Amino acid sequence: MTTHIHSPTSTTIRADLARSWLLTAATKPGAFARPPNVDAIILDVEDAVAPNDKTGAREAVVDWLGRGGGEDAWVRVNDATTPYWADDLEALAGLPGLAGVMLAKTESGNQVDATSELLPHGTPILALIESAVGLEAAPEIARADGTFRLAFGSGDFRRDTGMSDDVMAMSYPRSRLVIASRAARLPGGPIDGPTVSANDTILQRDCEATVSLGLTGKLCLHPDQASTINRALSPSTHDIEWAREVIADLGADGERVRDGSDLPRLAKAKKFTHLAEAFGLG
C-alpha cells in the first residue's frame, strides 16, 4: 500500500484493528501513557525488567492501572514456566485499567487456558509466539478460548532457531501465524515483531513485508516508529478511492454484481472502506 493519508492522532482504535503496539518497560512509569500516534501500549514486566526489579515494576503497573479514569493499557506478563507468571496475573486481575495481557513465550493452548483461568472472564490475551515449539503449536494456541490475537516475538524466535532477519527467512513463520489466526477465526490478524533498527528505510521494508504476508499489526520499541507503521498498515488514498468506485459500481449490497468475479472485489472494497472509517481516514 502506498501514497497514504495520515489518520488523526486523536483517533481511538479498536484492539482487534490496532496497528502499532508500543512496548514500554514497566520500570519507566513516566512513559506509561499512550502517545497519541500509537494505537495500543503494552507495559512490559517481562523481557524489559531484570529479575531483581520484577516486584517493583509490577507494583508500578498495578498502581498506574488501578487509579482508573485513564486510558487502558495491555501488560506483557512473564511466561507460564516462570515463578513470576502467577504473581503477575494475581496482581493484575480485576484492575480497571487492564485492557488485556500479552503472554510471553506461549508454547501451548494449555498455557493460554491457564492464564485465562487466573483472570476475569473474557480478559483478552495476546499470545506471543517466540520459539519453534510455539510456532508448531500455533493452530492450537490460536484456537484456545482466551486467545484474542497472535503476536510474533521475532527476535527470540531468531535466537531460538538461528534464522536471520531476512524477509525471505521470516516469511514462513509469519505466514504460519496468519494462516493459524484465520483458521481459528480470531477477531484480528497477527501482530508482527518489532524492528530493532532506528533506520527508517529498514522499518519501511519490514512494514511492507508485514502487509504483504497478511499480518495486520506490528510491535514497536519507540513511539517514533508508530506513524510509519500506521501508514503502512492502513489503506492508501488509492485503495480508498478504488473501494469507493467499486462500491458505487456494484452496490453496497452487491445488487449490481454481474458475475462471481465481482464478489471478491466487492469484499475487498468493503474491507478497505471499513478500515478507512475505523482509522479516521478521509
C-alpha atoms as a PDB file:
ATOM      1  CA  MET A   1       0.000   0.000   0.000  1.00  0.00           C
ATOM      2  CA  THR A   2       1.443   3.367  -0.976  1.00  0.00           C
ATOM      3  CA  THR A   3       0.583   7.074  -1.074  1.00  0.00           C
ATOM      4  CA  HIS A   4      -1.099   7.076   2.304  1.00  0.00           C
ATOM      5  CA  ILE A   5      -3.021   9.801   4.038  1.00  0.00           C
ATOM      6  CA  HIS A   6      -2.458  10.403   7.728  1.00  0.00           C
ATOM      7  CA  SER A   7      -5.004   9.385  10.322  1.00  0.00           C
ATOM      8  CA  PRO A   8      -5.868  11.907  13.033  1.00  0.00           C
ATOM      9  CA  THR A   9      -3.723  11.370  16.107  1.00  0.00           C
ATOM     10  CA  SER A  10      -6.733  11.559  18.429  1.00  0.00           C
ATOM     11  CA  THR A  11      -8.461   8.500  16.936  1.00  0.00           C
ATOM     12  CA  THR A  12      -9.013   5.610  19.347  1.00  0.00           C
ATOM     13  CA  ILE A  13      -8.518   2.328  17.502  1.00  0.00           C
ATOM     14  CA  ARG A  14     -10.223  -0.921  18.470  1.00  0.00           C
ATOM     15  CA  ALA A  15      -7.812  -3.573  19.733  1.00  0.00           C
ATOM     16  CA  ASP A  16      -8.772  -6.062  17.015  1.00  0.00           C
ATOM     17  CA  LEU A  17      -7.733  -3.493  14.385  1.00  0.00           C
ATOM     18  CA  ALA A  18      -4.815  -1.857  16.214  1.00  0.00           C
ATOM     19  CA  ARG A  19      -1.737  -1.451  14.012  1.00  0.00           C
ATOM     20  CA  SER A  20       1.036  -0.015  16.222  1.00  0.00           C
ATOM     21  CA  TRP A  21       1.660  -1.716  19.585  1.00  0.00           C
ATOM     22  CA  LEU A  22       4.263   0.097  21.694  1.00  0.00           C
ATOM     23  CA  LEU A  23       6.244  -1.967  24.201  1.00  0.00           C
ATOM     24  CA  THR A  24       7.175   0.155  27.228  1.00  0.00           C
ATOM     25  CA  ALA A  25       9.379  -1.026  30.098  1.00  0.00           C
ATOM     26  CA  ALA A  26       7.444  -1.264  33.358  1.00  0.00           C
ATOM     27  CA  THR A  27      10.447   0.286  35.102  1.00  0.00           C
ATOM     28  CA  LYS A  28       9.580   3.637  33.468  1.00  0.00           C
ATOM     29  CA  PRO A  29       6.202   4.732  34.927  1.00  0.00           C
ATOM     30  CA  GLY A  30       6.657   8.187  33.438  1.00  0.00           C
ATOM     31  CA  ALA A  31       6.194   6.625  29.990  1.00  0.00           C
ATOM     32  CA  PHE A  32       3.046   4.611  30.737  1.00  0.00           C
ATOM     33  CA  ALA A  33       0.626   6.978  28.996  1.00  0.00           C
ATOM     34  CA  ARG A  34      -0.153   6.050  25.400  1.00  0.00           C
ATOM     35  CA  PRO A  35       1.385   8.512  22.916  1.00  0.00           C
ATOM     36  CA  PRO A  36      -1.274   9.996  20.605  1.00  0.00           C
ATOM     37  CA  ASN A  37       0.145   8.371  17.453  1.00  0.00           C
ATOM     38  CA  VAL A  38       0.216   4.875  18.985  1.00  0.00           C
ATOM     39  CA  ASP A  39      -2.793   2.571  18.648  1.00  0.00           C
ATOM     40  CA  ALA A  40      -2.075   0.466  21.773  1.00  0.00           C
ATOM     41  CA  ILE A  41       0.507   0.409  24.546  1.00  0.00           C
ATOM     42  CA  ILE A  42       1.899  -2.670  26.292  1.00  0.00           C
ATOM     43  CA  LEU A  43       3.528  -2.249  29.689  1.00  0.00           C
ATOM     44  CA  ASP A  44       6.306  -4.836  29.809  1.00  0.00           C
ATOM     45  CA  VAL A  45       7.102  -6.664  33.053  1.00  0.00           C
ATOM     46  CA  GLU A  46       8.902  -9.471  31.205  1.00  0.00           C
ATOM     47  CA  ASP A  47      11.957  -9.037  28.957  1.00  0.00           C
ATOM     48  CA  ALA A  48      12.388  -5.354  29.741  1.00  0.00           C
ATOM     49  CA  VAL A  49      12.714  -5.993  33.500  1.00  0.00           C
ATOM     50  CA  ALA A  50      15.618  -7.672  35.311  1.00  0.00           C
ATOM     51  CA  PRO A  51      14.678 -10.404  37.833  1.00  0.00           C
ATOM     52  CA  ASN A  52      15.557  -8.245  40.838  1.00  0.00           C
ATOM     53  CA  ASP A  53      13.297  -5.475  39.551  1.00  0.00           C
ATOM     54  CA  LYS A  54      10.214  -7.613  38.797  1.00  0.00           C
ATOM     55  CA  THR A  55       8.357  -6.857  42.019  1.00  0.00           C
ATOM     56  CA  GLY A  56       8.860  -3.105  41.831  1.00  0.00           C
ATOM     57  CA  ALA A  57       7.918  -2.963  38.154  1.00  0.00           C
ATOM     58  CA  ARG A  58       4.775  -4.993  38.771  1.00  0.00           C
ATOM     59  CA  GLU A  59       3.776  -2.708  41.623  1.00  0.00           C
ATOM     60  CA  ALA A  60       4.264   0.358  39.405  1.00  0.00           C
ATOM     61  CA  VAL A  61       1.969  -1.134  36.760  1.00  0.00           C
ATOM     62  CA  VAL A  62      -0.665  -2.109  39.327  1.00  0.00           C
ATOM     63  CA  ASP A  63      -0.599   1.388  40.813  1.00  0.00           C
ATOM     64  CA  TRP A  64      -0.963   3.054  37.423  1.00  0.00           C
ATOM     65  CA  LEU A  65      -3.733   0.767  36.138  1.00  0.00           C
ATOM     66  CA  GLY A  66      -5.571   0.789  39.449  1.00  0.00           C
ATOM     67  CA  ARG A  67      -6.068   4.541  39.544  1.00  0.00           C
ATOM     68  CA  GLY A  68      -8.890   4.383  36.998  1.00  0.00           C
ATOM     69  CA  GLY A  69     -10.059   7.222  34.853  1.00  0.00           C
ATOM     70  CA  GLY A  70      -7.111   6.953  32.445  1.00  0.00           C
ATOM     71  CA  GLU A  71      -6.585   5.124  29.200  1.00  0.00           C
ATOM     72  CA  ASP A  72      -6.449   1.352  29.282  1.00  0.00           C
ATOM     73  CA  ALA A  73      -3.179  -0.484  28.711  1.00  0.00           C
ATOM     74  CA  TRP A  74      -2.065  -4.017  27.968  1.00  0.00           C
ATOM     75  CA  VAL A  75       0.559  -5.767  30.068  1.00  0.00           C
ATOM     76  CA  ARG A  76       3.136  -8.273  28.862  1.00  0.00           C
ATOM     77  CA  VAL A  77       3.355 -10.819  31.662  1.00  0.00           C
ATOM     78  CA  ASN A  78       6.106 -13.346  32.250  1.00  0.00           C
ATOM     79  CA  ASP A  79       5.777 -16.715  30.583  1.00  0.00           C
ATOM     80  CA  ALA A  80       3.885 -19.559  32.199  1.00  0.00           C
ATOM     81  CA  THR A  81       7.014 -21.568  33.051  1.00  0.00           C
ATOM     82  CA  THR A  82       8.464 -18.863  35.314  1.00  0.00           C
ATOM     83  CA  PRO A  83       7.779 -18.208  39.014  1.00  0.00           C
ATOM     84  CA  TYR A  84       6.671 -14.653  38.126  1.00  0.00           C
ATOM     85  CA  TRP A  85       3.713 -15.635  35.921  1.00  0.00           C
ATOM     86  CA  ALA A  86       1.155 -16.421  38.641  1.00  0.00           C
ATOM     87  CA  ASP A  87       2.196 -13.375  40.673  1.00  0.00           C
ATOM     88  CA  ASP A  88       1.748 -11.149  37.628  1.00  0.00           C
ATOM     89  CA  LEU A  89      -1.757 -12.436  36.972  1.00  0.00           C
ATOM     90  CA  GLU A  90      -2.821 -12.296  40.610  1.00  0.00           C
ATOM     91  CA  ALA A  91      -1.732  -8.659  40.818  1.00  0.00           C
ATOM     92  CA  LEU A  92      -3.386  -7.634  37.542  1.00  0.00           C
ATOM     93  CA  ALA A  93      -6.704  -9.484  37.846  1.00  0.00           C
ATOM     94  CA  GLY A  94      -9.630  -7.105  38.028  1.00  0.00           C
ATOM     95  CA  LEU A  95      -7.713  -3.840  37.658  1.00  0.00           C
ATOM     96  CA  PRO A  96      -9.926  -1.223  35.976  1.00  0.00           C
ATOM     97  CA  GLY A  97      -7.272  -0.081  33.503  1.00  0.00           C
ATOM     98  CA  LEU A  98      -6.263  -3.526  32.249  1.00  0.00           C
ATOM     99  CA  ALA A  99      -7.149  -3.877  28.557  1.00  0.00           C
ATOM    100  CA  GLY A 100      -5.701  -7.388  28.377  1.00  0.00           C
ATOM    101  CA  VAL A 101      -2.447  -9.272  28.726  1.00  0.00           C
ATOM    102  CA  MET A 102       0.272 -10.398  26.363  1.00  0.00           C
ATOM    103  CA  LEU A 103       1.505 -13.851  27.343  1.00  0.00           C
ATOM    104  CA  ALA A 104       5.234 -14.110  26.691  1.00  0.00           C
ATOM    105  CA  LYS A 105       6.786 -17.205  25.083  1.00  0.00           C
ATOM    106  CA  THR A 106       3.488 -19.002  24.538  1.00  0.00           C
ATOM    107  CA  GLU A 107       4.074 -22.617  23.550  1.00  0.00           C
ATOM    108  CA  SER A 108       0.714 -24.343  24.005  1.00  0.00           C
ATOM    109  CA  GLY A 109      -3.003 -23.744  24.143  1.00  0.00           C
ATOM    110  CA  ASN A 110      -2.936 -25.014  27.724  1.00  0.00           C
ATOM    111  CA  GLN A 111      -0.764 -22.059  28.736  1.00  0.00           C
ATOM    112  CA  VAL A 112      -3.374 -19.681  27.333  1.00  0.00           C
ATOM    113  CA  ASP A 113      -6.152 -21.582  29.124  1.00  0.00           C
ATOM    114  CA  ALA A 114      -4.262 -21.494  32.431  1.00  0.00           C
ATOM    115  CA  THR A 115      -3.661 -17.761  32.037  1.00  0.00           C
ATOM    116  CA  SER A 116      -7.310 -17.156  31.236  1.00  0.00           C
ATOM    117  CA  GLU A 117      -8.409 -19.035  34.358  1.00  0.00           C
ATOM    118  CA  LEU A 118      -6.452 -16.636  36.588  1.00  0.00           C
ATOM    119  CA  LEU A 119      -8.016 -13.529  35.037  1.00  0.00           C
ATOM    120  CA  PRO A 120     -11.600 -12.227  34.975  1.00  0.00           C
ATOM    121  CA  HIS A 121     -13.740 -13.993  32.396  1.00  0.00           C
ATOM    122  CA  GLY A 122     -13.303 -12.576  28.918  1.00  0.00           C
ATOM    123  CA  THR A 123      -9.956 -10.864  29.512  1.00  0.00           C
ATOM    124  CA  PRO A 124      -8.316 -10.856  26.056  1.00  0.00           C
ATOM    125  CA  ILE A 125      -4.919 -12.493  25.676  1.00  0.00           C
ATOM    126  CA  LEU A 126      -2.308 -11.713  23.056  1.00  0.00           C
ATOM    127  CA  ALA A 127      -0.392 -14.958  22.605  1.00  0.00           C
ATOM    128  CA  LEU A 128       3.225 -14.060  21.852  1.00  0.00           C
ATOM    129  CA  ILE A 129       4.931 -16.821  19.899  1.00  0.00           C
ATOM    130  CA  GLU A 130       8.715 -16.695  20.235  1.00  0.00           C
ATOM    131  CA  SER A 131      10.050 -20.210  19.596  1.00  0.00           C
ATOM    132  CA  ALA A 132       9.956 -23.156  17.210  1.00  0.00           C
ATOM    133  CA  VAL A 133       7.807 -25.032  19.723  1.00  0.00           C
ATOM    134  CA  GLY A 134       5.377 -22.139  19.860  1.00  0.00           C
ATOM    135  CA  LEU A 135       5.189 -21.872  16.087  1.00  0.00           C
ATOM    136  CA  GLU A 136       4.462 -25.583  15.723  1.00  0.00           C
ATOM    137  CA  ALA A 137       1.661 -25.179  18.281  1.00  0.00           C
ATOM    138  CA  ALA A 138       0.268 -22.031  16.619  1.00  0.00           C
ATOM    139  CA  PRO A 139      -3.035 -23.635  15.469  1.00  0.00           C
ATOM    140  CA  GLU A 140      -3.695 -24.972  18.983  1.00  0.00           C
ATOM    141  CA  ILE A 141      -2.757 -21.648  20.568  1.00  0.00           C
ATOM    142  CA  ALA A 142      -4.991 -19.724  18.161  1.00  0.00           C
ATOM    143  CA  ARG A 143      -7.964 -21.972  18.998  1.00  0.00           C
ATOM    144  CA  ALA A 144      -7.621 -21.510  22.774  1.00  0.00           C
ATOM    145  CA  ASP A 145     -10.703 -19.751  24.147  1.00  0.00           C
ATOM    146  CA  GLY A 146      -8.782 -16.848  25.665  1.00  0.00           C
ATOM    147  CA  THR A 147      -6.668 -16.012  22.618  1.00  0.00           C
ATOM    148  CA  PHE A 148      -7.550 -12.624  21.147  1.00  0.00           C
ATOM    149  CA  ARG A 149      -4.730 -12.163  18.630  1.00  0.00           C
ATOM    150  CA  LEU A 150      -1.439 -13.881  17.897  1.00  0.00           C
ATOM    151  CA  ALA A 151       1.828 -11.939  18.034  1.00  0.00           C
ATOM    152  CA  PHE A 152       5.280 -12.764  16.714  1.00  0.00           C
ATOM    153  CA  GLY A 153       8.283 -12.444  19.025  1.00  0.00           C
ATOM    154  CA  SER A 154      10.644 -12.345  16.075  1.00  0.00           C
ATOM    155  CA  GLY A 155      13.857 -11.576  17.983  1.00  0.00           C
ATOM    156  CA  ASP A 156      13.603 -14.507  20.377  1.00  0.00           C
ATOM    157  CA  PHE A 157      12.368 -16.706  17.525  1.00  0.00           C
ATOM    158  CA  ARG A 158      15.513 -15.961  15.532  1.00  0.00           C
ATOM    159  CA  ARG A 159      17.683 -16.698  18.554  1.00  0.00           C
ATOM    160  CA  ASP A 160      15.873 -19.976  19.111  1.00  0.00           C
ATOM    161  CA  THR A 161      16.095 -21.152  15.504  1.00  0.00           C
ATOM    162  CA  GLY A 162      19.279 -19.488  14.248  1.00  0.00           C
ATOM    163  CA  MET A 163      17.343 -17.887  11.388  1.00  0.00           C
ATOM    164  CA  SER A 164      18.251 -14.425  10.092  1.00  0.00           C
ATOM    165  CA  ASP A 165      16.036 -11.346   9.949  1.00  0.00           C
ATOM    166  CA  ASP A 166      15.976 -11.510   6.159  1.00  0.00           C
ATOM    167  CA  VAL A 167      12.445 -11.004   4.854  1.00  0.00           C
ATOM    168  CA  MET A 168      12.532 -14.298   2.964  1.00  0.00           C
ATOM    169  CA  ALA A 169      13.781 -16.227   6.004  1.00  0.00           C
ATOM    170  CA  MET A 170      10.997 -14.807   8.154  1.00  0.00           C
ATOM    171  CA  SER A 171       8.220 -15.344   5.610  1.00  0.00           C
ATOM    172  CA  TYR A 172       7.364 -18.871   6.775  1.00  0.00           C
ATOM    173  CA  PRO A 173       6.785 -18.136  10.478  1.00  0.00           C
ATOM    174  CA  ARG A 174       4.825 -15.002   9.643  1.00  0.00           C
ATOM    175  CA  SER A 175       2.671 -16.839   7.105  1.00  0.00           C
ATOM    176  CA  ARG A 176       2.045 -19.699   9.527  1.00  0.00           C
ATOM    177  CA  LEU A 177       0.735 -17.267  12.139  1.00  0.00           C
ATOM    178  CA  VAL A 178      -1.536 -15.632   9.565  1.00  0.00           C
ATOM    179  CA  ILE A 179      -2.993 -18.960   8.481  1.00  0.00           C
ATOM    180  CA  ALA A 180      -3.430 -20.220  12.062  1.00  0.00           C
ATOM    181  CA  SER A 181      -5.114 -16.964  13.036  1.00  0.00           C
ATOM    182  CA  ARG A 182      -7.507 -17.035  10.099  1.00  0.00           C
ATOM    183  CA  ALA A 183      -8.327 -20.719  10.533  1.00  0.00           C
ATOM    184  CA  ALA A 184      -9.216 -20.090  14.180  1.00  0.00           C
ATOM    185  CA  ARG A 185     -11.416 -17.112  13.175  1.00  0.00           C
ATOM    186  CA  LEU A 186      -9.639 -14.759  15.567  1.00  0.00           C
ATOM    187  CA  PRO A 187     -11.082 -11.232  15.595  1.00  0.00           C
ATOM    188  CA  GLY A 188      -7.830  -9.610  14.478  1.00  0.00           C
ATOM    189  CA  GLY A 189      -4.848 -10.600  12.367  1.00  0.00           C
ATOM    190  CA  PRO A 190      -1.431 -11.399  13.852  1.00  0.00           C
ATOM    191  CA  ILE A 191       0.849  -8.689  15.237  1.00  0.00           C
ATOM    192  CA  ASP A 192       4.320  -8.727  13.716  1.00  0.00           C
ATOM    193  CA  GLY A 193       7.530  -8.439  15.700  1.00  0.00           C
ATOM    194  CA  PRO A 194       9.354  -5.138  16.196  1.00  0.00           C
ATOM    195  CA  THR A 195      12.013  -3.566  14.018  1.00  0.00           C
ATOM    196  CA  VAL A 196      15.022  -3.017  16.259  1.00  0.00           C
ATOM    197  CA  SER A 197      16.867  -0.742  13.844  1.00  0.00           C
ATOM    198  CA  ALA A 198      16.252   3.014  14.040  1.00  0.00           C
ATOM    199  CA  ASN A 199      16.746   3.233  10.270  1.00  0.00           C
ATOM    200  CA  ASP A 200      13.517   4.396   8.595  1.00  0.00           C
ATOM    201  CA  THR A 201      14.318   2.520   5.385  1.00  0.00           C
ATOM    202  CA  ILE A 202      14.597  -0.774   7.261  1.00  0.00           C
ATOM    203  CA  LEU A 203      11.390  -0.051   9.169  1.00  0.00           C
ATOM    204  CA  GLN A 204       9.549   0.657   5.915  1.00  0.00           C
ATOM    205  CA  ARG A 205      10.951  -2.555   4.396  1.00  0.00           C
ATOM    206  CA  ASP A 206       9.770  -4.555   7.385  1.00  0.00           C
ATOM    207  CA  CYS A 207       6.329  -2.936   7.295  1.00  0.00           C
ATOM    208  CA  GLU A 208       5.951  -3.832   3.627  1.00  0.00           C
ATOM    209  CA  ALA A 209       6.760  -7.451   4.497  1.00  0.00           C
ATOM    210  CA  THR A 210       4.221  -7.326   7.319  1.00  0.00           C
ATOM    211  CA  VAL A 211       1.485  -6.172   4.952  1.00  0.00           C
ATOM    212  CA  SER A 212       2.408  -8.488   2.081  1.00  0.00           C
ATOM    213  CA  LEU A 213       2.265 -11.562   4.331  1.00  0.00           C
ATOM    214  CA  GLY A 214      -1.116 -10.654   5.821  1.00  0.00           C
ATOM    215  CA  LEU A 215      -0.229  -9.508   9.337  1.00  0.00           C
ATOM    216  CA  THR A 216      -2.267  -6.520  10.472  1.00  0.00           C
ATOM    217  CA  GLY A 217      -0.322  -5.107  13.441  1.00  0.00           C
ATOM    218  CA  LYS A 218       3.290  -4.559  14.440  1.00  0.00           C
ATOM    219  CA  LEU A 219       5.120  -4.184  17.723  1.00  0.00           C
ATOM    220  CA  CYS A 220       7.313  -1.115  18.097  1.00  0.00           C
ATOM    221  CA  LEU A 221      10.019  -0.151  20.551  1.00  0.00           C
ATOM    222  CA  HIS A 222       9.792   3.622  20.175  1.00  0.00           C
ATOM    223  CA  PRO A 223       6.774   5.888  19.583  1.00  0.00           C
ATOM    224  CA  ASP A 224       8.551   7.488  16.609  1.00  0.00           C
ATOM    225  CA  GLN A 225       8.034   4.217  14.709  1.00  0.00           C
ATOM    226  CA  ALA A 226       4.262   4.269  15.122  1.00  0.00           C
ATOM    227  CA  SER A 227       3.420   6.774  12.379  1.00  0.00           C
ATOM    228  CA  THR A 228       5.297   4.761   9.748  1.00  0.00           C
ATOM    229  CA  ILE A 229       3.644   1.547  10.944  1.00  0.00           C
ATOM    230  CA  ASN A 230       0.176   3.099  10.933  1.00  0.00           C
ATOM    231  CA  ARG A 231       0.591   4.444   7.404  1.00  0.00           C
ATOM    232  CA  ALA A 232       1.937   1.162   6.051  1.00  0.00           C
ATOM    233  CA  LEU A 233      -0.804  -0.932   7.668  1.00  0.00           C
ATOM    234  CA  SER A 234      -3.670   1.327   6.583  1.00  0.00           C
ATOM    235  CA  PRO A 235      -5.483   1.592   3.252  1.00  0.00           C
ATOM    236  CA  SER A 236      -3.801   4.148   0.991  1.00  0.00           C
ATOM    237  CA  THR A 237      -5.526   7.058  -0.728  1.00  0.00           C
ATOM    238  CA  HIS A 238      -5.565   4.974  -3.893  1.00  0.00           C
ATOM    239  CA  ASP A 239      -7.065   2.000  -2.023  1.00  0.00           C
ATOM    240  CA  ILE A 240      -9.862   4.137  -0.600  1.00  0.00           C
ATOM    241  CA  GLU A 241     -10.688   5.784  -3.934  1.00  0.00           C
ATOM    242  CA  TRP A 242     -10.678   2.387  -5.664  1.00  0.00           C
ATOM    243  CA  ALA A 243     -13.002   0.983  -2.983  1.00  0.00           C
ATOM    244  CA  ARG A 244     -15.481   3.819  -3.412  1.00  0.00           C
ATOM    245  CA  GLU A 245     -15.557   3.302  -7.164  1.00  0.00           C
ATOM    246  CA  VAL A 246     -16.129  -0.437  -6.817  1.00  0.00           C
ATOM    247  CA  ILE A 247     -18.944   0.015  -4.294  1.00  0.00           C
ATOM    248  CA  ALA A 248     -20.554   2.696  -6.465  1.00  0.00           C
ATOM    249  CA  ASP A 249     -20.381   0.354  -9.437  1.00  0.00           C
ATOM    250  CA  LEU A 250     -21.543  -2.865  -7.760  1.00  0.00           C
ATOM    251  CA  GLY A 251     -23.701  -1.504  -4.953  1.00  0.00           C
ATOM    252  CA  ALA A 252     -23.005  -1.729  -1.233  1.00  0.00           C
ATOM    253  CA  ASP A 253     -25.129  -4.871  -1.009  1.00  0.00           C
ATOM    254  CA  GLY A 254     -23.969  -6.292  -4.337  1.00  0.00           C
ATOM    255  CA  GLU A 255     -27.226  -5.508  -6.078  1.00  0.00           C
ATOM    256  CA  ARG A 256     -25.379  -4.823  -9.355  1.00  0.00           C
ATOM    257  CA  VAL A 257     -22.950  -7.759  -9.205  1.00  0.00           C
ATOM    258  CA  ARG A 258     -22.592  -9.198 -12.712  1.00  0.00           C
ATOM    259  CA  ASP A 259     -20.783 -12.482 -12.012  1.00  0.00           C
ATOM    260  CA  GLY A 260     -18.811 -14.343  -9.374  1.00  0.00           C
ATOM    261  CA  SER A 261     -15.601 -12.463 -10.134  1.00  0.00           C
ATOM    262  CA  ASP A 262     -17.178  -9.264  -8.802  1.00  0.00           C
ATOM    263  CA  LEU A 263     -17.742 -10.664  -5.316  1.00  0.00           C
ATOM    264  CA  PRO A 264     -14.070 -10.767  -4.207  1.00  0.00           C
ATOM    265  CA  ARG A 265     -13.603  -7.196  -5.490  1.00  0.00           C
ATOM    266  CA  LEU A 266     -16.615  -6.013  -3.546  1.00  0.00           C
ATOM    267  CA  ALA A 267     -15.489  -7.784  -0.372  1.00  0.00           C
ATOM    268  CA  LYS A 268     -12.044  -6.165  -0.647  1.00  0.00           C
ATOM    269  CA  ALA A 269     -13.577  -2.755  -1.307  1.00  0.00           C
ATOM    270  CA  LYS A 270     -15.839  -3.040   1.719  1.00  0.00           C
ATOM    271  CA  LYS A 271     -12.857  -4.062   3.859  1.00  0.00           C
ATOM    272  CA  PHE A 272     -10.875  -1.011   2.750  1.00  0.00           C
ATOM    273  CA  THR A 273     -13.871   1.233   3.451  1.00  0.00           C
ATOM    274  CA  HIS A 274     -14.369  -0.284   6.908  1.00  0.00           C
ATOM    275  CA  LEU A 275     -10.711   0.185   7.803  1.00  0.00           C
ATOM    276  CA  ALA A 276     -10.675   3.735   6.471  1.00  0.00           C
ATOM    277  CA  GLU A 277     -13.597   4.613   8.721  1.00  0.00           C
ATOM    278  CA  ALA A 278     -12.059   2.863  11.740  1.00  0.00           C
ATOM    279  CA  PHE A 279      -8.733   4.656  11.266  1.00  0.00           C
ATOM    280  CA  GLY A 280     -10.326   8.052  10.626  1.00  0.00           C
ATOM    281  CA  LEU A 281      -9.053   8.299   7.053  1.00  0.00           C
ATOM    282  CA  GLY A 282     -10.716  10.603   4.557  1.00  0.00           C
END
